[in-house]
Amino acid sequence: MSSPAAVLSPSVATVRRATLIGATAILLWSTLASLTAFAGPVPPFQMVAMSFGVGGVTGLLVQIVRGRPLSQALRQPLPVWLLGVGGLFGYHFFYFIAMRTAPAVEANLINYLWPLFIVLFSGLLPGERLGRAALAGAAAGLAGTLLLVGGGAETGEMGGGHWAGYLSALACALIWSAYSVAMRRHGEVPTEAVTGFCLGTSILAALCHLLFEVTVWPQGAAWVVVLAMGLGPLGIAFFVWDHGIKRGDIQTLGALSYAAPMLSTALLIALGRGEPTPTLGLACLLIVGGAVIAGRGLARG
């Protein structure tokens, strides 16, 4: 007869594997700032439309190669479509409003509250609870993010008529954390449905581009950047994230997400787009330490 540990170990291994797969989205998202820096003067909504279009078409091609019927993934209830497209498009819509109407440092700081919200909101899910490791890791990660993003602010005050931008950044954090936690409750929806979410986001972004922006086509190597964004941070990342939040440890993923601003900044420095500072070093210690603490359950499994 199998021991209880032997019976439980496959499920633990499955959760660990799904969590690690979901964590690759964090690595992909950390490249977004660097890729954007090399994209040239392409308007943001146009970039979202093109990049998500690449991600959606790639998803379609993968399903065709695997012999999966497209109708099965795309035949989802209206609430699922509203959640999926609303989460992806809504986040990026408010993100660009925040970056245009508020100082970038403060807006980005508020935006990166979404990992903390994921950890906290996940405690409301059936069968979930907020453990000490998750709370401690989230607190350390938040402190590191405050240092990392807030360290470059010229003033310590928030206000100055930028409240529309700050509220938009807060909407980003709430939308993405709510999307992630709510998708956990729709575990029956196949990850292939993200293909439709990407295509829907691309269409809505294209409409916003036509309404609010002037078209500027990428030049030369910038087309490679668009392709890389569509295959990486604005494409594959959403597929692996969907798998992780549905099958993995969502609290660990939320806390590990604090690594995104740290990794993004480190990559920018490596590419000559920034300078290392003592504040950056301390922030990295807090963020990495918080991720290690929050991920203790994953390591033990």
Protein backbone atom coordinates (compact mmCIF):
# COMPACT_ATOMS: atom_id res chain seq x y z
CA MET A 1 0.00 0.00 0.00
CA SER A 2 1.30 3.46 -0.86
CA SER A 3 2.16 5.77 1.99
CA PRO A 4 0.26 9.08 2.37
CA ALA A 5 3.41 10.95 1.32
CA ALA A 6 3.66 8.91 -1.85
CA VAL A 7 0.04 9.62 -2.68
CA LEU A 8 0.44 13.36 -2.10
CA SER A 9 3.80 13.80 -3.80
CA PRO A 10 2.48 13.79 -7.40
CA SER A 11 0.10 16.66 -6.69
CA VAL A 12 2.84 18.59 -4.89
CA ALA A 13 5.16 18.04 -7.84
CA THR A 14 2.43 19.18 -10.23
CA VAL A 15 1.85 22.38 -8.26
CA ARG A 16 5.58 23.06 -8.12
CA ARG A 17 5.99 22.52 -11.86
CA ALA A 18 3.03 24.77 -12.68
CA THR A 19 4.39 27.46 -10.36
CA LEU A 20 7.79 27.34 -12.04
CA ILE A 21 6.15 27.52 -15.47
CA GLY A 22 4.12 30.54 -14.35
CA ALA A 23 7.27 32.17 -12.97
CA THR A 24 8.78 32.26 -16.47
CA ALA A 25 6.23 34.98 -17.24
CA ILE A 26 8.01 37.16 -14.68
CA LEU A 27 11.29 36.67 -16.55
CA LEU A 28 9.63 37.53 -19.85
CA TRP A 29 7.92 40.64 -18.45
CA SER A 30 11.27 41.85 -17.10
CA THR A 31 12.45 42.28 -20.72
CA LEU A 32 9.56 44.57 -21.68
CA ALA A 33 11.21 47.85 -20.62
CA SER A 34 14.42 47.04 -22.50
CA LEU A 35 12.57 45.95 -25.62
CA THR A 36 10.45 49.10 -25.49
CA ALA A 37 13.62 51.19 -25.34
CA PHE A 38 14.74 49.68 -28.65
CA ALA A 39 11.35 49.86 -30.34
CA GLY A 40 11.73 53.43 -31.51
CA PRO A 41 8.95 56.04 -31.62
CA VAL A 42 6.12 53.58 -32.23
CA PRO A 43 2.94 54.82 -30.42
CA PRO A 44 2.01 52.64 -27.41
CA PHE A 45 -1.43 51.47 -28.58
CA GLN A 46 -0.01 50.64 -32.00
CA MET A 47 2.75 48.64 -30.31
CA VAL A 48 0.20 46.79 -28.17
CA ALA A 49 -1.95 46.04 -31.23
CA MET A 50 0.99 44.66 -33.21
CA SER A 51 2.59 42.75 -30.33
CA PHE A 52 -0.61 41.14 -29.10
CA GLY A 53 -1.46 40.36 -32.72
CA VAL A 54 1.82 38.44 -32.98
CA GLY A 55 1.04 36.64 -29.71
CA GLY A 56 -2.47 35.73 -30.81
CA VAL A 57 -1.43 34.49 -34.26
CA THR A 58 1.37 32.46 -32.66
CA GLY A 59 -1.18 30.87 -30.34
CA LEU A 60 -3.35 29.96 -33.32
CA LEU A 61 -0.41 28.39 -35.16
CA VAL A 62 0.58 26.34 -32.11
CA GLN A 63 -2.95 24.99 -31.79
CA ILE A 64 -3.03 24.08 -35.47
CA VAL A 65 0.33 22.27 -35.24
CA ARG A 66 -0.84 20.38 -32.15
CA GLY A 67 -4.07 19.42 -33.87
CA ARG A 68 -6.24 21.19 -31.33
CA PRO A 69 -9.61 22.40 -32.65
CA LEU A 70 -9.70 26.20 -32.52
CA SER A 71 -13.40 26.24 -31.69
CA GLN A 72 -12.79 24.38 -28.42
CA ALA A 73 -10.51 27.08 -27.06
CA LEU A 74 -12.51 30.02 -28.40
CA ARG A 75 -15.96 28.71 -27.41
CA GLN A 76 -16.07 30.27 -23.94
CA PRO A 77 -18.90 31.92 -21.97
CA LEU A 78 -19.26 35.68 -22.26
CA PRO A 79 -18.09 36.31 -18.65
CA VAL A 80 -14.82 34.51 -19.43
CA TRP A 81 -14.30 36.62 -22.54
CA LEU A 82 -15.01 39.80 -20.59
CA LEU A 83 -12.57 38.74 -17.89
CA GLY A 84 -9.83 37.68 -20.30
CA VAL A 85 -9.93 40.55 -22.77
CA GLY A 86 -10.84 43.03 -20.04
CA GLY A 87 -7.86 41.97 -17.94
CA LEU A 88 -5.27 42.14 -20.72
CA PHE A 89 -6.59 45.22 -22.50
CA GLY A 90 -7.80 47.04 -19.38
CA TYR A 91 -4.42 46.76 -17.70
CA HIS A 92 -2.50 48.13 -20.69
CA PHE A 93 -5.09 50.84 -21.38
CA PHE A 94 -4.76 52.31 -17.88
CA TYR A 95 -1.01 51.69 -17.84
CA PHE A 96 -0.43 54.00 -20.78
CA ILE A 97 -2.80 56.63 -19.36
CA ALA A 98 -0.86 56.53 -16.08
CA MET A 99 2.50 56.87 -17.83
CA ARG A 100 1.26 59.85 -19.86
CA THR A 101 -0.53 61.76 -17.08
CA ALA A 102 1.70 61.17 -14.03
CA PRO A 103 5.44 61.08 -13.31
CA ALA A 104 6.70 57.72 -14.56
CA VAL A 105 8.48 56.75 -11.32
CA GLU A 106 5.48 57.25 -9.05
CA ALA A 107 3.06 55.74 -11.58
CA ASN A 108 5.22 52.66 -12.01
CA LEU A 109 5.50 52.33 -8.23
CA ILE A 110 1.73 52.24 -7.81
CA ASN A 111 1.39 49.86 -10.75
CA TYR A 112 3.76 47.38 -9.09
CA LEU A 113 1.38 46.98 -6.17
CA TRP A 114 -0.29 44.20 -8.21
CA PRO A 115 1.93 41.40 -6.82
CA LEU A 116 0.98 42.41 -3.28
CA PHE A 117 -2.71 42.51 -4.23
CA ILE A 118 -2.42 39.02 -5.76
CA VAL A 119 -1.00 37.64 -2.51
CA LEU A 120 -3.70 39.34 -0.46
CA PHE A 121 -6.63 38.60 -2.80
CA SER A 122 -5.61 34.95 -3.11
CA GLY A 123 -6.40 34.51 0.56
CA LEU A 124 -10.08 34.96 -0.39
CA LEU A 125 -10.06 31.93 -2.70
CA PRO A 126 -11.65 28.66 -1.51
CA GLY A 127 -9.07 26.48 0.19
CA GLU A 128 -6.46 29.24 0.32
CA ARG A 129 -5.13 31.15 3.30
CA LEU A 130 -2.50 33.79 3.87
CA GLY A 131 0.54 32.14 5.43
CA ARG A 132 3.25 33.95 7.33
CA ALA A 133 5.84 33.26 4.63
CA ALA A 134 3.61 34.78 1.93
CA LEU A 135 2.92 37.89 4.01
CA ALA A 136 6.56 38.32 5.04
CA GLY A 137 7.78 37.82 1.49
CA ALA A 138 5.21 40.24 0.11
CA ALA A 139 6.17 42.87 2.70
CA ALA A 140 9.89 42.54 1.92
CA GLY A 141 9.20 42.66 -1.81
CA LEU A 142 7.03 45.76 -1.43
CA ALA A 143 9.76 47.47 0.59
CA GLY A 144 12.31 46.64 -2.09
CA THR A 145 10.02 47.88 -4.84
CA LEU A 146 9.49 51.15 -2.97
CA LEU A 147 13.25 51.64 -2.80
CA LEU A 148 13.87 50.53 -6.36
CA VAL A 149 11.20 52.60 -8.08
CA GLY A 150 10.88 55.42 -5.57
CA GLY A 151 14.61 55.88 -5.25
CA GLY A 152 14.73 57.81 -8.48
CA ALA A 153 11.94 60.19 -7.61
CA GLU A 154 12.96 63.82 -7.44
CA THR A 155 10.49 64.62 -4.68
CA GLY A 156 8.99 62.66 -1.88
CA GLU A 157 5.53 64.06 -2.40
CA MET A 158 2.77 62.65 -4.52
CA GLY A 159 0.17 64.97 -5.89
CA GLY A 160 0.72 68.08 -7.97
CA GLY A 161 -2.37 67.60 -10.13
CA HIS A 162 -1.42 64.09 -11.24
CA TRP A 163 -4.19 62.25 -9.42
CA ALA A 164 -5.78 61.02 -12.67
CA GLY A 165 -2.50 59.29 -13.50
CA TYR A 166 -2.09 57.89 -9.99
CA LEU A 167 -5.64 56.53 -10.00
CA SER A 168 -5.01 54.97 -13.43
CA ALA A 169 -1.87 53.27 -12.08
CA LEU A 170 -3.88 51.97 -9.12
CA ALA A 171 -6.47 50.69 -11.60
CA CYS A 172 -3.63 48.78 -13.33
CA ALA A 173 -2.67 47.06 -10.10
CA LEU A 174 -6.26 46.21 -9.21
CA ILE A 175 -7.19 45.00 -12.71
CA TRP A 176 -4.22 42.68 -13.13
CA SER A 177 -4.40 41.22 -9.63
CA ALA A 178 -8.17 40.76 -9.92
CA TYR A 179 -7.73 39.13 -13.35
CA SER A 180 -5.10 36.73 -12.04
CA VAL A 181 -7.05 35.70 -8.97
CA ALA A 182 -10.38 35.49 -10.82
CA MET A 183 -8.83 33.29 -13.53
CA ARG A 184 -7.85 30.90 -10.75
CA ARG A 185 -11.56 30.26 -10.26
CA HIS A 186 -11.93 29.39 -13.95
CA GLY A 187 -9.59 26.43 -13.94
CA GLU A 188 -11.84 24.66 -16.44
CA VAL A 189 -11.03 27.24 -19.11
CA PRO A 190 -8.15 25.90 -21.25
CA THR A 191 -5.00 27.98 -21.47
CA GLU A 192 -5.46 27.98 -25.26
CA ALA A 193 -8.28 30.48 -24.69
CA VAL A 194 -5.58 33.09 -24.05
CA THR A 195 -5.15 33.08 -27.84
CA GLY A 196 -8.57 34.70 -28.16
CA PHE A 197 -7.81 37.12 -25.32
CA CYS A 198 -4.65 38.26 -27.13
CA LEU A 199 -6.47 38.72 -30.43
CA GLY A 200 -9.30 40.61 -28.73
CA THR A 201 -6.78 42.88 -26.99
CA SER A 202 -5.02 43.49 -30.31
CA ILE A 203 -8.29 44.54 -31.96
CA LEU A 204 -9.25 46.92 -29.14
CA ALA A 205 -5.75 48.42 -29.06
CA ALA A 206 -5.90 48.93 -32.83
CA LEU A 207 -9.18 50.83 -32.43
CA CYS A 208 -7.64 53.02 -29.71
CA HIS A 209 -4.65 53.63 -31.96
CA LEU A 210 -6.86 54.76 -34.83
CA LEU A 211 -8.78 57.07 -32.50
CA PHE A 212 -5.95 58.61 -30.47
CA GLU A 213 -2.61 58.13 -32.24
CA VAL A 214 -0.76 58.78 -35.48
CA THR A 215 0.69 55.66 -37.10
CA VAL A 216 4.48 55.35 -36.98
CA TRP A 217 5.79 52.12 -38.53
CA PRO A 218 8.88 50.47 -37.03
CA GLN A 219 12.11 50.93 -38.94
CA GLY A 220 14.72 48.24 -39.59
CA ALA A 221 15.60 46.22 -36.50
CA ALA A 222 12.57 47.65 -34.68
CA TRP A 223 10.47 45.04 -36.48
CA VAL A 224 12.52 42.37 -34.70
CA VAL A 225 11.70 44.08 -31.42
CA VAL A 226 7.97 43.97 -32.21
CA LEU A 227 8.27 40.27 -33.00
CA ALA A 228 10.22 39.63 -29.79
CA MET A 229 7.62 41.49 -27.72
CA GLY A 230 4.79 39.52 -29.32
CA LEU A 231 6.55 36.21 -28.75
CA GLY A 232 7.73 37.07 -25.23
CA PRO A 233 6.38 39.61 -22.70
CA LEU A 234 3.20 40.38 -24.67
CA GLY A 235 2.58 36.86 -25.91
CA ILE A 236 3.94 33.64 -24.42
CA ALA A 237 4.10 35.26 -20.99
CA PHE A 238 0.31 35.35 -20.72
CA PHE A 239 0.00 31.67 -21.65
CA VAL A 240 2.48 30.45 -19.03
CA TRP A 241 1.05 32.88 -16.46
CA ASP A 242 -2.43 31.46 -17.08
CA HIS A 243 -1.12 27.94 -16.50
CA GLY A 244 0.69 29.00 -13.35
CA ILE A 245 -2.16 30.84 -11.67
CA LYS A 246 -4.60 27.99 -12.40
CA ARG A 247 -2.41 25.01 -11.54
CA GLY A 248 0.36 26.42 -9.34
CA ASP A 249 0.79 28.27 -6.03
CA ILE A 250 -0.73 31.67 -6.75
CA GLN A 251 0.56 33.26 -3.52
CA THR A 252 4.13 32.25 -4.35
CA LEU A 253 3.70 33.60 -7.88
CA GLY A 254 2.38 36.88 -6.50
CA ALA A 255 5.36 37.32 -4.20
CA LEU A 256 7.89 36.19 -6.83
CA SER A 257 6.46 38.84 -9.16
CA TYR A 258 8.32 41.46 -7.16
CA ALA A 259 11.40 40.25 -9.01
CA ALA A 260 10.07 41.81 -12.23
CA PRO A 261 11.09 45.44 -11.49
CA MET A 262 14.44 44.26 -10.11
CA LEU A 263 15.22 42.09 -13.13
CA SER A 264 13.99 44.79 -15.50
CA THR A 265 16.28 47.38 -13.92
CA ALA A 266 19.26 45.01 -13.91
CA LEU A 267 18.77 44.32 -17.62
CA LEU A 268 18.55 48.03 -18.40
CA ILE A 269 21.82 48.60 -16.51
CA ALA A 270 23.49 45.73 -18.37
CA LEU A 271 22.44 47.34 -21.66
CA GLY A 272 23.84 50.71 -20.60
CA ARG A 273 20.49 52.32 -19.89
CA GLY A 274 21.14 53.01 -16.20
CA GLU A 275 23.71 53.10 -13.40
CA PRO A 276 24.00 50.83 -10.31
CA THR A 277 23.54 52.58 -6.95
CA PRO A 278 23.59 51.56 -3.27
CA THR A 279 19.81 52.01 -3.18
CA LEU A 280 19.48 49.60 -6.06
CA GLY A 281 21.64 47.04 -4.27
CA LEU A 282 19.57 47.26 -1.08
CA ALA A 283 16.33 47.03 -3.06
CA CYS A 284 17.58 43.93 -4.84
CA LEU A 285 18.44 42.27 -1.51
CA LEU A 286 14.94 42.97 -0.18
CA ILE A 287 13.20 41.76 -3.33
CA VAL A 288 15.28 38.61 -3.74
CA GLY A 289 15.04 37.90 -0.01
CA GLY A 290 11.28 38.34 -0.10
CA ALA A 291 11.03 35.99 -3.07
CA VAL A 292 13.10 33.35 -1.24
CA ILE A 293 10.92 33.64 1.88
CA ALA A 294 7.67 33.49 -0.09
CA GLY A 295 8.96 30.56 -2.11
CA ARG A 296 9.93 28.40 0.89
CA GLY A 297 6.85 26.26 0.44
CA LEU A 298 7.76 25.66 -3.18
CA ALA A 299 11.29 24.58 -2.25
CA ARG A 300 10.07 22.26 0.46
CA GLY A 301 7.69 20.52 -1.95
